[in-house]
PDB file of N, CA and C in Angstrom:
ATOM      1  N   MET A   1     143.518  59.284 132.458  1.00  0.00           N
ATOM      2  CA  MET A   1     142.720  58.450 131.585  1.00  0.00           C
ATOM      3  C   MET A   1     141.663  59.287 130.852  1.00  0.00           C
ATOM      4  N   TYR A   2     140.940  60.120 131.611  1.00  0.00           N
ATOM      5  CA  TYR A   2     139.933  60.960 130.972  1.00  0.00           C
ATOM      6  C   TYR A   2     140.570  61.976 130.025  1.00  0.00           C
ATOM      7  N   LYS A   3     141.741  62.445 130.432  1.00  0.00           N
ATOM      8  CA  LYS A   3     142.444  63.425 129.606  1.00  0.00           C
ATOM      9  C   LYS A   3     142.778  62.830 128.254  1.00  0.00           C
ATOM     10  N   LYS A   4     143.220  61.581 128.249  1.00  0.00           N
ATOM     11  CA  LYS A   4     143.565  60.920 126.995  1.00  0.00           C
ATOM     12  C   LYS A   4     142.310  60.729 126.133  1.00  0.00           C
ATOM     13  N   GLN A   5     141.194  60.352 126.737  1.00  0.00           N
ATOM     14  CA  GLN A   5     139.938  60.186 125.990  1.00  0.00           C
ATOM     15  C   GLN A   5     139.465  61.522 125.407  1.00  0.00           C
ATOM     16  N   ILE A   6     139.607  62.580 126.191  1.00  0.00           N
ATOM     17  CA  ILE A   6     139.222  63.907 125.713  1.00  0.00           C
ATOM     18  C   ILE A   6     140.094  64.312 124.535  1.00  0.00           C
ATOM     19  N   GLU A   7     141.392  64.072 124.617  1.00  0.00           N
ATOM     20  CA  GLU A   7     142.303  64.400 123.520  1.00  0.00           C
ATOM     21  C   GLU A   7     141.962  63.611 122.269  1.00  0.00           C
ATOM     22  N   GLN A   8     141.660  62.312 122.435  1.00  0.00           N
ATOM     23  CA  GLN A   8     141.294  61.475 121.285  1.00  0.00           C
ATOM     24  C   GLN A   8     140.000  61.987 120.650  1.00  0.00           C
ATOM     25  N   THR A   9     139.037  62.328 121.492  1.00  0.00           N
ATOM     26  CA  THR A   9     137.759  62.836 120.987  1.00  0.00           C
ATOM     27  C   THR A   9     137.969  64.158 120.252  1.00  0.00           C
ATOM     28  N   GLN A  10     138.786  65.034 120.805  1.00  0.00           N
ATOM     29  CA  GLN A  10     139.082  66.303 120.152  1.00  0.00           C
ATOM     30  C   GLN A  10     139.777  66.084 118.815  1.00  0.00           C
ATOM     31  N   GLN A  11     140.712  65.137 118.779  1.00  0.00           N
ATOM     32  CA  GLN A  11     141.433  64.852 117.539  1.00  0.00           C
ATOM     33  C   GLN A  11     140.472  64.286 116.499  1.00  0.00           C
ATOM     34  N   GLN A  12     139.608  63.353 116.913  1.00  0.00           N
ATOM     35  CA  GLN A  12     138.643  62.775 115.976  1.00  0.00           C
ATOM     36  C   GLN A  12     137.677  63.849 115.466  1.00  0.00           C
ATOM     37  N   THR A  13     137.251  64.725 116.367  1.00  0.00           N
ATOM     38  CA  THR A  13     136.349  65.810 115.983  1.00  0.00           C
ATOM     39  C   THR A  13     137.027  66.730 114.984  1.00  0.00           C
ATOM     40  N   GLN A  14     138.278  67.023 115.241  1.00  0.00           N
ATOM     41  CA  GLN A  14     139.041  67.889 114.334  1.00  0.00           C
ATOM     42  C   GLN A  14     139.199  67.229 112.958  1.00  0.00           C
ATOM     43  N   GLU A  15     139.495  65.928 112.949  1.00  0.00           N
ATOM     44  CA  GLU A  15     139.644  65.214 111.679  1.00  0.00           C
ATOM     45  C   GLU A  15     138.319  65.195 110.912  1.00  0.00           C
ATOM     46  N   LYS A  16     137.227  64.909 111.622  1.00  0.00           N
ATOM     47  CA  LYS A  16     135.914  64.870 110.961  1.00  0.00           C
ATOM     48  C   LYS A  16     135.531  66.264 110.452  1.00  0.00           C
ATOM     49  N   THR A  17     135.875  67.292 111.220  1.00  0.00           N
ATOM     50  CA  THR A  17     135.598  68.658 110.781  1.00  0.00           C
ATOM     51  C   THR A  17     136.370  68.972 109.501  1.00  0.00           C
ATOM     52  N   GLN A  18     137.627  68.575 109.449  1.00  0.00           N
ATOM     53  CA  GLN A  18     138.439  68.797 108.243  1.00  0.00           C
ATOM     54  C   GLN A  18     137.857  68.042 107.050  1.00  0.00           C
ATOM     55  N   GLU A  19     137.407  66.813 107.297  1.00  0.00           N
ATOM     56  CA  GLU A  19     136.788  66.039 106.209  1.00  0.00           C
ATOM     57  C   GLU A  19     135.524  66.733 105.716  1.00  0.00           C
ATOM     58  N   LEU A  20     134.724  67.235 106.648  1.00  0.00           N
ATOM     59  CA  LEU A  20     133.487  67.921 106.285  1.00  0.00           C
ATOM     60  C   LEU A  20     133.780  69.196 105.496  1.00  0.00           C
ATOM     61  N   ILE A  21     134.775  69.947 105.944  1.00  0.00           N
ATOM     62  CA  ILE A  21     135.161  71.171 105.226  1.00  0.00           C
ATOM     63  C   ILE A  21     135.632  70.821 103.821  1.00  0.00           C
ATOM     64  N   HIS A  22     136.441  69.782 103.707  1.00  0.00           N
ATOM     65  CA  HIS A  22     136.935  69.369 102.394  1.00  0.00           C
ATOM     66  C   HIS A  22     135.779  68.939 101.496  1.00  0.00           C
ATOM     67  N   ALA A  23     134.849  68.159 102.062  1.00  0.00           N
ATOM     68  CA  ALA A  23     133.699  67.689 101.277  1.00  0.00           C
ATOM     69  C   ALA A  23     132.840  68.868 100.837  1.00  0.00           C
ATOM     70  N   THR A  24     132.621  69.825 101.735  1.00  0.00           N
ATOM     71  CA  THR A  24     131.819  71.003 101.398  1.00  0.00           C
ATOM     72  C   THR A  24     132.510  71.828 100.321  1.00  0.00           C
ATOM     73  N   THR A  25     133.813  72.032 100.498  1.00  0.00           N
ATOM     74  CA  THR A  25     134.581  72.804  99.521  1.00  0.00           C
ATOM     75  C   THR A  25     134.584  72.104  98.165  1.00  0.00           C
ATOM     76  N   GLU A  26     134.734  70.786  98.188  1.00  0.00           N
ATOM     77  CA  GLU A  26     134.736  70.016  96.941  1.00  0.00           C
ATOM     78  C   GLU A  26     133.377  70.110  96.257  1.00  0.00           C
ATOM     79  N   LYS A  27     132.304  70.020  97.045  1.00  0.00           N
ATOM     80  CA  LYS A  27     130.957  70.119  96.479  1.00  0.00           C
ATOM     81  C   LYS A  27     130.726  71.505  95.881  1.00  0.00           C
ATOM     82  N   GLU A  28     131.175  72.547  96.594  1.00  0.00           N
ATOM     83  CA  GLU A  28     131.046  73.907  96.064  1.00  0.00           C
ATOM     84  C   GLU A  28     131.840  74.066  94.776  1.00  0.00           C
ATOM     85  N   ALA A  29     133.027  73.478  94.746  1.00  0.00           N
ATOM     86  CA  ALA A  29     133.855  73.554  93.542  1.00  0.00           C
ATOM     87  C   ALA A  29     133.168  72.835  92.380  1.00  0.00           C
ATOM     88  N   GLN A  30     132.596  71.680  92.659  1.00  0.00           N
ATOM     89  CA  GLN A  30     131.888  70.941  91.608  1.00  0.00           C
ATOM     90  C   GLN A  30     130.694  71.736  91.105  1.00  0.00           C
ATOM     91  N   THR A  31     129.960  72.357  92.046  1.00  0.00           N
ATOM     92  CA  THR A  31     128.807  73.164  91.664  1.00  0.00           C
ATOM     93  C   THR A  31     129.246  74.347  90.804  1.00  0.00           C
ATOM     94  N   TYR A  32     130.334  75.007  91.206  1.00  0.00           N
ATOM     95  CA  TYR A  32     130.853  76.146  90.444  1.00  0.00           C
ATOM     96  C   TYR A  32     131.272  75.716  89.046  1.00  0.00           C
ATOM     97  N   ILE A  33     132.005  74.611  88.973  1.00  0.00           N
ATOM     98  CA  ILE A  33     132.462  74.116  87.665  1.00  0.00           C
ATOM     99  C   ILE A  33     131.268  73.755  86.793  1.00  0.00           C
ATOM    100  N   GLN A  34     130.260  73.122  87.396  1.00  0.00           N
ATOM    101  CA  GLN A  34     129.071  72.745  86.635  1.00  0.00           C
ATOM    102  C   GLN A  34     128.351  73.981  86.095  1.00  0.00           C
ATOM    103  N   LYS A  35     128.197  75.003  86.943  1.00  0.00           N
ATOM    104  CA  LYS A  35     127.546  76.238  86.486  1.00  0.00           C
ATOM    105  C   LYS A  35     128.375  76.924  85.409  1.00  0.00           C
ATOM    106  N   PHE A  36     129.702  76.916  85.573  1.00  0.00           N
ATOM    107  CA  PHE A  36     130.595  77.515  84.588  1.00  0.00           C
ATOM    108  C   PHE A  36     130.441  76.823  83.236  1.00  0.00           C
ATOM    109  N   LEU A  37     130.426  75.480  83.266  1.00  0.00           N
ATOM    110  CA  LEU A  37     130.285  74.732  82.018  1.00  0.00           C
ATOM    111  C   LEU A  37     128.927  74.969  81.380  1.00  0.00           C
ATOM    112  N   GLN A  38     127.873  75.056  82.201  1.00  0.00           N
ATOM    113  CA  GLN A  38     126.545  75.321  81.655  1.00  0.00           C
ATOM    114  C   GLN A  38     126.483  76.694  81.004  1.00  0.00           C
ATOM    115  N   SER A  39     127.074  77.695  81.652  1.00  0.00           N
ATOM    116  CA  SER A  39     127.038  79.035  81.063  1.00  0.00           C
ATOM    117  C   SER A  39     127.850  79.070  79.772  1.00  0.00           C
ATOM    118  N   ASN A  40     128.973  78.357  79.749  1.00  0.00           N
ATOM    119  CA  ASN A  40     129.768  78.309  78.518  1.00  0.00           C
ATOM    120  C   ASN A  40     129.013  77.572  77.424  1.00  0.00           C
ATOM    121  N   GLU A  41     128.292  76.525  77.800  1.00  0.00           N
ATOM    122  CA  GLU A  41     127.515  75.778  76.808  1.00  0.00           C
ATOM    123  C   GLU A  41     126.424  76.665  76.221  1.00  0.00           C
ATOM    124  N   GLN A  42     125.760  77.440  77.089  1.00  0.00           N
ATOM    125  CA  GLN A  42     124.729  78.354  76.605  1.00  0.00           C
ATOM    126  C   GLN A  42     125.332  79.414  75.682  1.00  0.00           C
ATOM    127  N   ALA A  43     126.490  79.924  76.052  1.00  0.00           N
ATOM    128  CA  ALA A  43     127.155  80.918  75.209  1.00  0.00           C
ATOM    129  C   ALA A  43     127.554  80.311  73.871  1.00  0.00           C
ATOM    130  N   LEU A  44     128.030  79.077  73.905  1.00  0.00           N
ATOM    131  CA  LEU A  44     128.422  78.387  72.674  1.00  0.00           C
ATOM    132  C   LEU A  44     127.219  78.211  71.755  1.00  0.00           C
ATOM    133  N   TRP A  45     126.096  77.745  72.323  1.00  0.00           N
ATOM    134  CA  TRP A  45     124.891  77.568  71.498  1.00  0.00           C
ATOM    135  C   TRP A  45     124.404  78.910  70.956  1.00  0.00           C
ATOM    136  N   GLY A  46     124.480  79.951  71.789  1.00  0.00           N
ATOM    137  CA  GLY A  46     124.091  81.284  71.324  1.00  0.00           C
ATOM    138  C   GLY A  46     124.962  81.734  70.163  1.00  0.00           C
ATOM    139  N   GLY A  47     126.266  81.465  70.267  1.00  0.00           N
ATOM    140  CA  GLY A  47     127.192  81.806  69.189  1.00  0.00           C
ATOM    141  C   GLY A  47     126.898  81.033  67.919  1.00  0.00           C
ATOM    142  N   LEU A  48     126.608  79.749  68.076  1.00  0.00           N
ATOM    143  CA  LEU A  48     126.295  78.920  66.905  1.00  0.00           C
ATOM    144  C   LEU A  48     125.019  79.390  66.219  1.00  0.00           C
ATOM    145  N   VAL A  49     124.028  79.770  67.010  1.00  0.00           N
ATOM    146  CA  VAL A  49     122.782  80.279  66.431  1.00  0.00           C
ATOM    147  C   VAL A  49     123.053  81.580  65.680  1.00  0.00           C
ATOM    148  N   ALA A  50     123.881  82.446  66.266  1.00  0.00           N
ATOM    149  CA  ALA A  50     124.212  83.707  65.604  1.00  0.00           C
ATOM    150  C   ALA A  50     124.928  83.454  64.277  1.00  0.00           C
ATOM    151  N   VAL A  51     125.869  82.523  64.267  1.00  0.00           N
ATOM    152  CA  VAL A  51     126.594  82.189  63.038  1.00  0.00           C
ATOM    153  C   VAL A  51     125.631  81.621  61.992  1.00  0.00           C
ATOM    154  N   ALA A  52     124.727  80.762  62.435  1.00  0.00           N
ATOM    155  CA  ALA A  52     123.749  80.178  61.510  1.00  0.00           C
ATOM    156  C   ALA A  52     122.869  81.265  60.904  1.00  0.00           C
ATOM    157  N   LEU A  53     122.465  82.236  61.712  1.00  0.00           N
ATOM    158  CA  LEU A  53     121.639  83.323  61.191  1.00  0.00           C
ATOM    159  C   LEU A  53     122.395  84.178  60.180  1.00  0.00           C
ATOM    160  N   VAL A  54     123.662  84.435  60.438  1.00  0.00           N
ATOM    161  CA  VAL A  54     124.481  85.210  59.496  1.00  0.00           C
ATOM    162  C   VAL A  54     124.628  84.461  58.179  1.00  0.00           C
ATOM    163  N   ILE A  55     124.887  83.153  58.274  1.00  0.00           N
ATOM    164  CA  ILE A  55     125.021  82.336  57.058  1.00  0.00           C
ATOM    165  C   ILE A  55     123.701  82.327  56.286  1.00  0.00           C
ATOM    166  N   PHE A  56     122.589  82.152  57.004  1.00  0.00           N
ATOM    167  CA  PHE A  56     121.276  82.136  56.346  1.00  0.00           C
ATOM    168  C   PHE A  56     121.008  83.470  55.652  1.00  0.00           C
ATOM    169  N   ALA A  57     121.303  84.590  56.338  1.00  0.00           N
ATOM    170  CA  ALA A  57     121.074  85.915  55.740  1.00  0.00           C
ATOM    171  C   ALA A  57     121.945  86.102  54.502  1.00  0.00           C
ATOM    172  N   SER A  58     123.190  85.639  54.570  1.00  0.00           N
ATOM    173  CA  SER A  58     124.082  85.755  53.411  1.00  0.00           C
ATOM    174  C   SER A  58     123.574  84.926  52.247  1.00  0.00           C
ATOM    175  N   LEU A  59     123.154  83.715  52.515  1.00  0.00           N
ATOM    176  CA  LEU A  59     122.614  82.868  51.442  1.00  0.00           C
ATOM    177  C   LEU A  59     121.355  83.475  50.842  1.00  0.00           C
ATOM    178  N   LYS A  60     120.535  84.075  51.697  1.00  0.00           N
ATOM    179  CA  LYS A  60     119.317  84.722  51.190  1.00  0.00           C
ATOM    180  C   LYS A  60     119.672  85.881  50.259  1.00  0.00           C
ATOM    181  N   LYS A  61     120.672  86.686  50.643  1.00  0.00           N
ATOM    182  CA  LYS A  61     121.106  87.795  49.783  1.00  0.00           C
ATOM    183  C   LYS A  61     121.636  87.278  48.450  1.00  0.00           C
ATOM    184  N   ILE A  62     122.439  86.224  48.516  1.00  0.00           N
ATOM    185  CA  ILE A  62     122.999  85.643  47.285  1.00  0.00           C
ATOM    186  C   ILE A  62     121.883  85.132  46.389  1.00  0.00           C
ATOM    187  N   LEU A  63     120.928  84.429  46.988  1.00  0.00           N
ATOM    188  CA  LEU A  63     119.810  83.887  46.207  1.00  0.00           C
ATOM    189  C   LEU A  63     118.977  85.015  45.597  1.00  0.00           C
ATOM    190  N   ASN A  64     118.729  86.064  46.372  1.00  0.00           N
ATOM    191  CA  ASN A  64     117.969  87.198  45.837  1.00  0.00           C
ATOM    192  C   ASN A  64     118.712  87.877  44.691  1.00  0.00           C
ATOM    193  N   ALA A  65     120.010  88.052  44.836  1.00  0.00           N
ATOM    194  CA  ALA A  65     120.798  88.678  43.766  1.00  0.00           C
ATOM    195  C   ALA A  65     120.785  87.798  42.522  1.00  0.00           C
ATOM    196  N   TRP A  66     120.919  86.496  42.705  1.00  0.00           N
ATOM    197  CA  TRP A  66     120.913  85.579  41.567  1.00  0.00           C
ATOM    198  C   TRP A  66     119.554  85.593  40.885  1.00  0.00           C
ATOM    199  N   THR A  67     118.486  85.596  41.692  1.00  0.00           N
ATOM    200  CA  THR A  67     117.126  85.631  41.137  1.00  0.00           C
ATOM    201  C   THR A  67     116.899  86.934  40.370  1.00  0.00           C
ATOM    202  N   ASP A  68     117.334  88.068  40.942  1.00  0.00           N
ATOM    203  CA  ASP A  68     117.184  89.352  40.257  1.00  0.00           C
ATOM    204  C   ASP A  68     117.928  89.354  38.927  1.00  0.00           C
ATOM    205  N   LYS A  69     119.131  88.743  38.936  1.00  0.00           N
ATOM    206  CA  LYS A  69     119.924  88.678  37.703  1.00  0.00           C
ATOM    207  C   LYS A  69     119.195  87.840  36.651  1.00  0.00           C
ATOM    208  N   LYS A  70     118.630  86.726  37.064  1.00  0.00           N
ATOM    209  CA  LYS A  70     117.906  85.870  36.115  1.00  0.00           C
ATOM    210  C   LYS A  70     116.665  86.581  35.575  1.00  0.00           C
ATOM    211  N   VAL A  71     115.958  87.322  36.444  1.00  0.00           N
ATOM    212  CA  VAL A  71     114.780  88.073  35.998  1.00  0.00           C
ATOM    213  C   VAL A  71     115.192  89.110  34.956  1.00  0.00           C
ATOM    214  N   GLU A  72     116.306  89.802  35.193  1.00  0.00           N
ATOM    215  CA  GLU A  72     116.803  90.788  34.240  1.00  0.00           C
ATOM    216  C   GLU A  72     117.150  90.130  32.898  1.00  0.00           C
ATOM    217  N   GLU A  73     117.787  88.953  32.972  1.00  0.00           N
ATOM    218  CA  GLU A  73     118.149  88.244  31.729  1.00  0.00           C
ATOM    219  C   GLU A  73     116.904  87.847  30.949  1.00  0.00           C
ATOM    220  N   ILE A  74     115.886  87.413  31.654  1.00  0.00           N
ATOM    221  CA  ILE A  74     114.643  87.018  30.991  1.00  0.00           C
ATOM    222  C   ILE A  74     113.971  88.225  30.344  1.00  0.00           C
ATOM    223  N   LYS A  75     113.978  89.351  31.076  1.00  0.00           N
ATOM    224  CA  LYS A  75     113.374  90.582  30.532  1.00  0.00           C
ATOM    225  C   LYS A  75     114.131  91.047  29.295  1.00  0.00           C
ATOM    226  N   GLU A  76     115.464  90.980  29.314  1.00  0.00           N
ATOM    227  CA  GLU A  76     116.267  91.381  28.162  1.00  0.00           C
ATOM    228  C   GLU A  76     116.016  90.461  26.980  1.00  0.00           C
ATOM    229  N   GLY A  77     115.799  89.176  27.258  1.00  0.00           N
ATOM    230  CA  GLY A  77     115.523  88.229  26.186  1.00  0.00           C
ATOM    231  C   GLY A  77     114.178  88.454  25.534  1.00  0.00           C
ATOM    232  N   ASP A  78     113.193  88.942  26.287  1.00  0.00           N
ATOM    233  CA  ASP A  78     111.862  89.205  25.753  1.00  0.00           C
ATOM    234  C   ASP A  78     111.834  90.448  24.875  1.00  0.00           C
ATOM    235  N   GLU A  79     112.765  91.373  25.082  1.00  0.00           N
ATOM    236  CA  GLU A  79     112.759  92.629  24.305  1.00  0.00           C
ATOM    237  C   GLU A  79     113.323  92.432  22.983  1.00  0.00           C
TER     238      GLU A  79
END
């Protein structure tokens, strides 16, 4: 009788241990995935900022070239 109770207790303990391991592993996996997504999100925003800066610099160059051209045209017209 005691042997059967001990076996049942051992089996229940083993099952609960497996559940705990699974829950811990699942939580670690969720934490890893969350950190992975956060780092990718940060990288994505960093990339978008870099692209925006390149576009802004290009537009500034275009505007400066256009302004210089207009200044030259005005100077030629005054002569």
